[in-house]
């Protein structure tokens, strides 16, 4: 899969999840068993900005290696933070919410891993 396509898929995921968190904050809180609307809303804003950044980067002819590394680190950070929140029974406490967020975290880790392979290839060319 090309890096451009991978970044666009990641962008779509971030934009969809971010907009869902912004526009359906109460539903997201109910799903995860939390009462933290400001946290969910703030994460939604961050995801929308990240999604736009991913989209802009994917439209370039020459994608910058440091940007790809930034996206990889973001994906891995999302995965680690999700697992920690689940493990410490903080914020994500509903069993169904745990399953949904864990699946999203694994998807995010896979996106990070695929982007990292492209990052290594970009670094070899420089």
N, C-alpha and C. Protein backbone atom coordinates (compact mmCIF):
# COMPACT_ATOMS: atom_id res chain seq x y z
N UNK A 1 0.84 -1.17 0.00
CA UNK A 1 0.00 0.00 0.00
C UNK A 1 0.90 1.24 0.00
N UNK A 2 0.55 2.20 -0.82
CA UNK A 2 1.38 3.41 -0.90
C UNK A 2 1.24 4.24 0.38
N UNK A 3 2.26 5.01 0.67
CA UNK A 3 2.24 5.86 1.86
C UNK A 3 1.12 6.89 1.75
N UNK A 4 0.92 7.45 0.58
CA UNK A 4 -0.15 8.45 0.40
C UNK A 4 -1.52 7.87 0.76
N UNK A 5 -1.79 6.66 0.26
CA UNK A 5 -3.06 6.02 0.55
C UNK A 5 -3.17 5.70 2.05
N UNK A 6 -2.11 5.21 2.62
CA UNK A 6 -2.09 4.89 4.05
C UNK A 6 -2.38 6.12 4.89
N UNK A 7 -1.76 7.24 4.56
CA UNK A 7 -2.00 8.48 5.30
C UNK A 7 -3.44 8.95 5.11
N UNK A 8 -4.00 8.76 3.94
CA UNK A 8 -5.40 9.16 3.71
C UNK A 8 -6.36 8.29 4.50
N UNK A 9 -6.08 7.01 4.58
CA UNK A 9 -6.92 6.12 5.39
C UNK A 9 -6.83 6.52 6.86
N UNK A 10 -5.63 6.79 7.32
CA UNK A 10 -5.43 7.23 8.70
C UNK A 10 -6.14 8.56 8.93
N UNK A 11 -6.06 9.46 7.96
CA UNK A 11 -6.74 10.75 8.04
C UNK A 11 -8.24 10.55 8.18
N UNK A 12 -8.81 9.70 7.35
CA UNK A 12 -10.25 9.45 7.41
C UNK A 12 -10.65 8.90 8.78
N UNK A 13 -9.84 8.00 9.31
CA UNK A 13 -10.12 7.43 10.63
C UNK A 13 -10.11 8.51 11.70
N UNK A 14 -9.10 9.36 11.67
CA UNK A 14 -8.99 10.44 12.66
C UNK A 14 -10.15 11.42 12.54
N UNK A 15 -10.47 11.79 11.30
CA UNK A 15 -11.56 12.74 11.09
C UNK A 15 -12.91 12.18 11.54
N UNK A 16 -13.17 10.93 11.20
CA UNK A 16 -14.44 10.31 11.59
C UNK A 16 -14.53 10.19 13.11
N UNK A 17 -13.49 9.66 13.73
CA UNK A 17 -13.51 9.50 15.18
C UNK A 17 -13.54 10.86 15.88
N UNK A 18 -12.75 11.81 15.39
CA UNK A 18 -12.73 13.14 15.99
C UNK A 18 -14.08 13.83 15.90
N UNK A 19 -14.71 13.78 14.72
CA UNK A 19 -16.02 14.40 14.56
C UNK A 19 -17.07 13.69 15.41
N UNK A 20 -16.97 12.38 15.51
CA UNK A 20 -17.88 11.63 16.37
C UNK A 20 -17.74 12.09 17.83
N UNK A 21 -16.50 12.26 18.27
CA UNK A 21 -16.26 12.71 19.64
C UNK A 21 -16.75 14.15 19.86
N UNK A 22 -16.66 14.97 18.82
CA UNK A 22 -17.13 16.36 18.93
C UNK A 22 -18.65 16.48 18.86
N UNK A 23 -19.25 15.75 17.95
CA UNK A 23 -20.68 15.91 17.70
C UNK A 23 -21.56 14.97 18.52
N UNK A 24 -20.98 13.88 18.99
CA UNK A 24 -21.74 12.90 19.77
C UNK A 24 -21.03 12.59 21.09
N UNK A 25 -20.59 13.64 21.76
CA UNK A 25 -19.81 13.49 22.99
C UNK A 25 -20.55 12.65 24.03
N UNK A 26 -21.83 12.91 24.21
CA UNK A 26 -22.60 12.17 25.21
C UNK A 26 -22.69 10.69 24.86
N UNK A 27 -22.87 10.38 23.59
CA UNK A 27 -22.93 8.98 23.16
C UNK A 27 -21.60 8.28 23.37
N UNK A 28 -20.49 8.97 23.08
CA UNK A 28 -19.16 8.38 23.31
C UNK A 28 -18.94 8.15 24.80
N UNK A 29 -19.31 9.12 25.62
CA UNK A 29 -19.18 8.95 27.07
C UNK A 29 -20.02 7.78 27.57
N UNK A 30 -21.23 7.62 27.04
CA UNK A 30 -22.08 6.49 27.44
C UNK A 30 -21.44 5.17 27.02
N UNK A 31 -20.85 5.14 25.83
CA UNK A 31 -20.22 3.91 25.35
C UNK A 31 -19.06 3.48 26.24
N UNK A 32 -18.22 4.42 26.62
CA UNK A 32 -17.04 4.06 27.40
C UNK A 32 -17.31 4.06 28.91
N UNK A 33 -18.50 4.51 29.30
CA UNK A 33 -18.85 4.50 30.72
C UNK A 33 -18.21 5.64 31.49
N UNK A 34 -18.11 6.79 30.88
CA UNK A 34 -17.42 7.91 31.48
C UNK A 34 -18.33 9.13 31.56
N UNK A 35 -17.96 10.04 32.39
CA UNK A 35 -18.65 11.32 32.49
C UNK A 35 -17.63 12.43 32.34
N UNK A 36 -16.89 12.42 31.25
CA UNK A 36 -15.84 13.40 31.02
C UNK A 36 -16.02 14.06 29.66
N UNK A 37 -17.09 14.87 29.51
CA UNK A 37 -17.34 15.46 28.20
C UNK A 37 -16.24 16.39 27.71
N UNK A 38 -15.61 17.14 28.61
CA UNK A 38 -14.54 18.04 28.18
C UNK A 38 -13.34 17.26 27.64
N UNK A 39 -13.03 16.14 28.28
CA UNK A 39 -11.92 15.31 27.82
C UNK A 39 -12.21 14.75 26.43
N UNK A 40 -13.39 14.19 26.27
CA UNK A 40 -13.77 13.60 24.97
C UNK A 40 -13.81 14.68 23.90
N UNK A 41 -14.36 15.82 24.23
CA UNK A 41 -14.44 16.94 23.29
C UNK A 41 -13.03 17.40 22.89
N UNK A 42 -12.13 17.51 23.86
CA UNK A 42 -10.76 17.94 23.58
C UNK A 42 -10.03 16.94 22.70
N UNK A 43 -10.20 15.67 22.99
CA UNK A 43 -9.57 14.64 22.16
C UNK A 43 -10.13 14.70 20.74
N UNK A 44 -11.42 14.96 20.62
CA UNK A 44 -12.03 15.09 19.30
C UNK A 44 -11.40 16.22 18.49
N UNK A 45 -11.16 17.35 19.13
CA UNK A 45 -10.51 18.48 18.45
C UNK A 45 -9.12 18.10 17.98
N UNK A 46 -8.36 17.44 18.85
CA UNK A 46 -7.00 17.01 18.50
C UNK A 46 -7.04 16.05 17.31
N UNK A 47 -7.98 15.11 17.33
CA UNK A 47 -8.08 14.14 16.24
C UNK A 47 -8.44 14.81 14.91
N UNK A 48 -9.32 15.80 14.95
CA UNK A 48 -9.68 16.51 13.71
C UNK A 48 -8.46 17.23 13.15
N UNK A 49 -7.73 17.94 14.00
CA UNK A 49 -6.51 18.62 13.53
C UNK A 49 -5.50 17.62 12.98
N UNK A 50 -5.32 16.49 13.67
CA UNK A 50 -4.39 15.47 13.20
C UNK A 50 -4.86 14.89 11.86
N UNK A 51 -6.16 14.67 11.73
CA UNK A 51 -6.70 14.15 10.48
C UNK A 51 -6.46 15.10 9.31
N UNK A 52 -6.62 16.40 9.56
CA UNK A 52 -6.36 17.38 8.50
C UNK A 52 -4.87 17.38 8.16
N UNK A 53 -4.01 17.30 9.17
CA UNK A 53 -2.55 17.27 8.95
C UNK A 53 -2.18 16.03 8.13
N UNK A 54 -2.75 14.89 8.47
CA UNK A 54 -2.50 13.67 7.71
C UNK A 54 -2.93 13.84 6.25
N UNK A 55 -4.09 14.44 6.04
CA UNK A 55 -4.59 14.64 4.68
C UNK A 55 -3.68 15.56 3.89
N UNK A 56 -3.28 16.66 4.49
CA UNK A 56 -2.38 17.61 3.81
C UNK A 56 -1.06 16.91 3.46
N UNK A 57 -0.50 16.16 4.40
CA UNK A 57 0.76 15.45 4.14
C UNK A 57 0.59 14.44 3.01
N UNK A 58 -0.55 13.76 2.97
CA UNK A 58 -0.77 12.73 1.95
C UNK A 58 -0.90 13.30 0.55
N UNK A 59 -1.21 14.58 0.43
CA UNK A 59 -1.39 15.21 -0.88
C UNK A 59 -0.07 15.70 -1.48
N UNK A 60 0.99 15.67 -0.70
CA UNK A 60 2.30 16.12 -1.21
C UNK A 60 2.94 15.05 -2.09
N UNK A 61 3.70 15.50 -3.07
CA UNK A 61 4.48 14.57 -3.90
C UNK A 61 5.57 13.92 -3.06
N UNK A 62 6.29 14.73 -2.30
CA UNK A 62 7.37 14.25 -1.44
C UNK A 62 6.94 14.41 0.02
N UNK A 63 6.63 13.30 0.64
CA UNK A 63 6.23 13.33 2.05
C UNK A 63 7.49 13.37 2.90
N UNK A 64 7.49 14.25 3.87
CA UNK A 64 8.67 14.45 4.71
C UNK A 64 8.80 13.32 5.74
N UNK A 65 10.00 12.72 5.83
CA UNK A 65 10.19 11.61 6.78
C UNK A 65 9.84 11.98 8.22
N UNK A 66 10.20 13.20 8.64
CA UNK A 66 9.92 13.57 10.03
C UNK A 66 8.42 13.66 10.30
N UNK A 67 7.63 13.98 9.28
CA UNK A 67 6.18 13.99 9.45
C UNK A 67 5.65 12.58 9.64
N UNK A 68 6.18 11.66 8.85
CA UNK A 68 5.74 10.27 8.97
C UNK A 68 6.07 9.75 10.37
N UNK A 69 7.26 10.07 10.86
CA UNK A 69 7.64 9.65 12.21
C UNK A 69 6.70 10.26 13.25
N UNK A 70 6.32 11.51 13.07
CA UNK A 70 5.36 12.17 13.96
C UNK A 70 4.03 11.40 13.98
N UNK A 71 3.55 10.99 12.81
CA UNK A 71 2.29 10.24 12.74
C UNK A 71 2.43 8.87 13.40
N UNK A 72 3.57 8.23 13.19
CA UNK A 72 3.83 6.92 13.82
C UNK A 72 3.81 7.07 15.34
N UNK A 73 4.52 8.07 15.84
CA UNK A 73 4.56 8.27 17.30
C UNK A 73 3.17 8.58 17.85
N UNK A 74 2.39 9.33 17.11
CA UNK A 74 1.02 9.62 17.53
C UNK A 74 0.17 8.37 17.59
N UNK A 75 0.31 7.51 16.59
CA UNK A 75 -0.46 6.26 16.58
C UNK A 75 -0.06 5.35 17.74
N UNK A 76 1.23 5.24 17.98
CA UNK A 76 1.68 4.40 19.09
C UNK A 76 1.29 4.99 20.44
N UNK A 77 1.35 6.31 20.56
CA UNK A 77 0.95 6.96 21.81
C UNK A 77 -0.54 6.71 22.08
N UNK A 78 -1.35 6.81 21.03
CA UNK A 78 -2.79 6.55 21.17
C UNK A 78 -3.02 5.13 21.67
N UNK A 79 -2.31 4.18 21.09
CA UNK A 79 -2.46 2.78 21.48
C UNK A 79 -2.05 2.56 22.93
N UNK A 80 -0.90 3.08 23.30
CA UNK A 80 -0.40 2.90 24.67
C UNK A 80 -1.33 3.56 25.68
N UNK A 81 -1.77 4.79 25.39
CA UNK A 81 -2.67 5.48 26.32
C UNK A 81 -4.00 4.76 26.46
N UNK A 82 -4.52 4.24 25.37
CA UNK A 82 -5.78 3.48 25.44
C UNK A 82 -5.62 2.25 26.32
N UNK A 83 -4.55 1.51 26.11
CA UNK A 83 -4.31 0.30 26.92
C UNK A 83 -4.14 0.67 28.39
N UNK A 84 -3.43 1.76 28.67
CA UNK A 84 -3.26 2.20 30.06
C UNK A 84 -4.59 2.61 30.68
N UNK A 85 -5.41 3.35 29.95
CA UNK A 85 -6.71 3.76 30.49
C UNK A 85 -7.60 2.56 30.79
N UNK A 86 -7.54 1.57 29.90
CA UNK A 86 -8.31 0.34 30.14
C UNK A 86 -7.73 -0.41 31.34
N UNK A 87 -6.42 -0.54 31.40
CA UNK A 87 -5.76 -1.31 32.45
C UNK A 87 -5.98 -0.72 33.84
N UNK A 88 -5.96 0.61 33.93
CA UNK A 88 -6.12 1.26 35.22
C UNK A 88 -7.57 1.58 35.54
N UNK A 89 -8.49 1.07 34.71
CA UNK A 89 -9.92 1.27 34.95
C UNK A 89 -10.25 2.75 35.08
N UNK A 90 -9.62 3.56 34.21
CA UNK A 90 -9.80 5.00 34.23
C UNK A 90 -10.41 5.45 32.90
N UNK A 91 -11.45 6.21 32.96
CA UNK A 91 -12.15 6.78 31.81
C UNK A 91 -12.89 5.71 31.00
N UNK A 92 -12.20 4.69 30.54
CA UNK A 92 -12.83 3.64 29.73
C UNK A 92 -13.15 2.47 30.67
N UNK A 93 -14.42 2.39 31.10
CA UNK A 93 -14.77 1.40 32.12
C UNK A 93 -15.89 0.45 31.71
N UNK A 94 -16.70 0.82 30.75
CA UNK A 94 -17.80 -0.04 30.32
C UNK A 94 -17.24 -1.20 29.49
N UNK A 95 -17.69 -2.44 29.73
CA UNK A 95 -17.15 -3.59 28.99
C UNK A 95 -17.26 -3.45 27.47
N UNK A 96 -18.38 -2.96 26.98
CA UNK A 96 -18.52 -2.77 25.53
C UNK A 96 -17.57 -1.68 25.04
N UNK A 97 -17.45 -0.61 25.80
CA UNK A 97 -16.54 0.47 25.45
C UNK A 97 -15.09 0.00 25.45
N UNK A 98 -14.77 -0.88 26.39
CA UNK A 98 -13.41 -1.43 26.44
C UNK A 98 -13.12 -2.21 25.17
N UNK A 99 -14.06 -3.02 24.75
CA UNK A 99 -13.86 -3.80 23.51
C UNK A 99 -13.70 -2.89 22.29
N UNK A 100 -14.58 -1.90 22.18
CA UNK A 100 -14.53 -0.99 21.03
C UNK A 100 -13.22 -0.21 21.01
N UNK A 101 -12.85 0.36 22.15
CA UNK A 101 -11.63 1.17 22.18
C UNK A 101 -10.38 0.31 22.00
N UNK A 102 -10.43 -0.93 22.45
CA UNK A 102 -9.28 -1.82 22.26
C UNK A 102 -9.12 -2.16 20.77
N UNK A 103 -10.21 -2.41 20.09
CA UNK A 103 -10.15 -2.69 18.64
C UNK A 103 -9.59 -1.46 17.90
N UNK A 104 -10.06 -0.27 18.29
CA UNK A 104 -9.55 0.96 17.67
C UNK A 104 -8.06 1.11 17.95
N UNK A 105 -7.64 0.78 19.17
CA UNK A 105 -6.21 0.88 19.54
C UNK A 105 -5.37 -0.09 18.71
N UNK A 106 -5.85 -1.29 18.49
CA UNK A 106 -5.09 -2.25 17.69
C UNK A 106 -5.03 -1.81 16.22
N UNK A 107 -6.12 -1.27 15.72
CA UNK A 107 -6.13 -0.72 14.36
C UNK A 107 -5.11 0.42 14.25
N UNK A 108 -5.09 1.28 15.26
CA UNK A 108 -4.17 2.41 15.27
C UNK A 108 -2.72 1.93 15.33
N UNK A 109 -2.46 0.90 16.12
CA UNK A 109 -1.10 0.34 16.18
C UNK A 109 -0.69 -0.23 14.82
N UNK A 110 -1.62 -0.88 14.15
CA UNK A 110 -1.32 -1.44 12.82
C UNK A 110 -1.02 -0.32 11.82
N UNK A 111 -1.80 0.76 11.89
CA UNK A 111 -1.53 1.91 11.02
C UNK A 111 -0.13 2.46 11.30
N UNK A 112 0.21 2.59 12.56
CA UNK A 112 1.53 3.08 12.94
C UNK A 112 2.64 2.18 12.42
N UNK A 113 2.43 0.87 12.53
CA UNK A 113 3.44 -0.08 12.07
C UNK A 113 3.64 0.01 10.55
N UNK A 114 2.54 0.13 9.81
CA UNK A 114 2.66 0.25 8.36
C UNK A 114 3.33 1.56 7.96
N UNK A 115 2.99 2.63 8.66
CA UNK A 115 3.64 3.92 8.38
C UNK A 115 5.12 3.87 8.74
N UNK A 116 5.46 3.14 9.80
CA UNK A 116 6.86 3.04 10.20
C UNK A 116 7.69 2.34 9.13
N UNK A 117 7.13 1.34 8.48
CA UNK A 117 7.84 0.68 7.38
C UNK A 117 8.15 1.67 6.27
N UNK A 118 7.19 2.54 5.96
CA UNK A 118 7.43 3.57 4.95
C UNK A 118 8.46 4.58 5.43
N UNK A 119 8.42 4.91 6.71
CA UNK A 119 9.39 5.85 7.28
C UNK A 119 10.81 5.30 7.11
N UNK A 120 11.01 4.02 7.42
CA UNK A 120 12.33 3.41 7.27
C UNK A 120 12.80 3.48 5.81
N UNK A 121 11.89 3.22 4.88
CA UNK A 121 12.24 3.31 3.46
C UNK A 121 12.60 4.74 3.06
N UNK A 122 11.87 5.72 3.56
CA UNK A 122 12.18 7.13 3.26
C UNK A 122 13.55 7.51 3.82
N UNK A 123 13.87 7.04 5.02
CA UNK A 123 15.15 7.38 5.66
C UNK A 123 16.30 6.75 4.89
N UNK A 124 16.11 5.57 4.31
CA UNK A 124 17.17 4.92 3.54
C UNK A 124 17.50 5.69 2.27
N UNK A 125 16.51 6.38 1.70
CA UNK A 125 16.72 7.14 0.46
C UNK A 125 17.43 8.46 0.71
N UNK A 126 17.36 8.94 1.94
CA UNK A 126 17.95 10.27 2.24
C UNK A 126 19.42 10.14 2.48
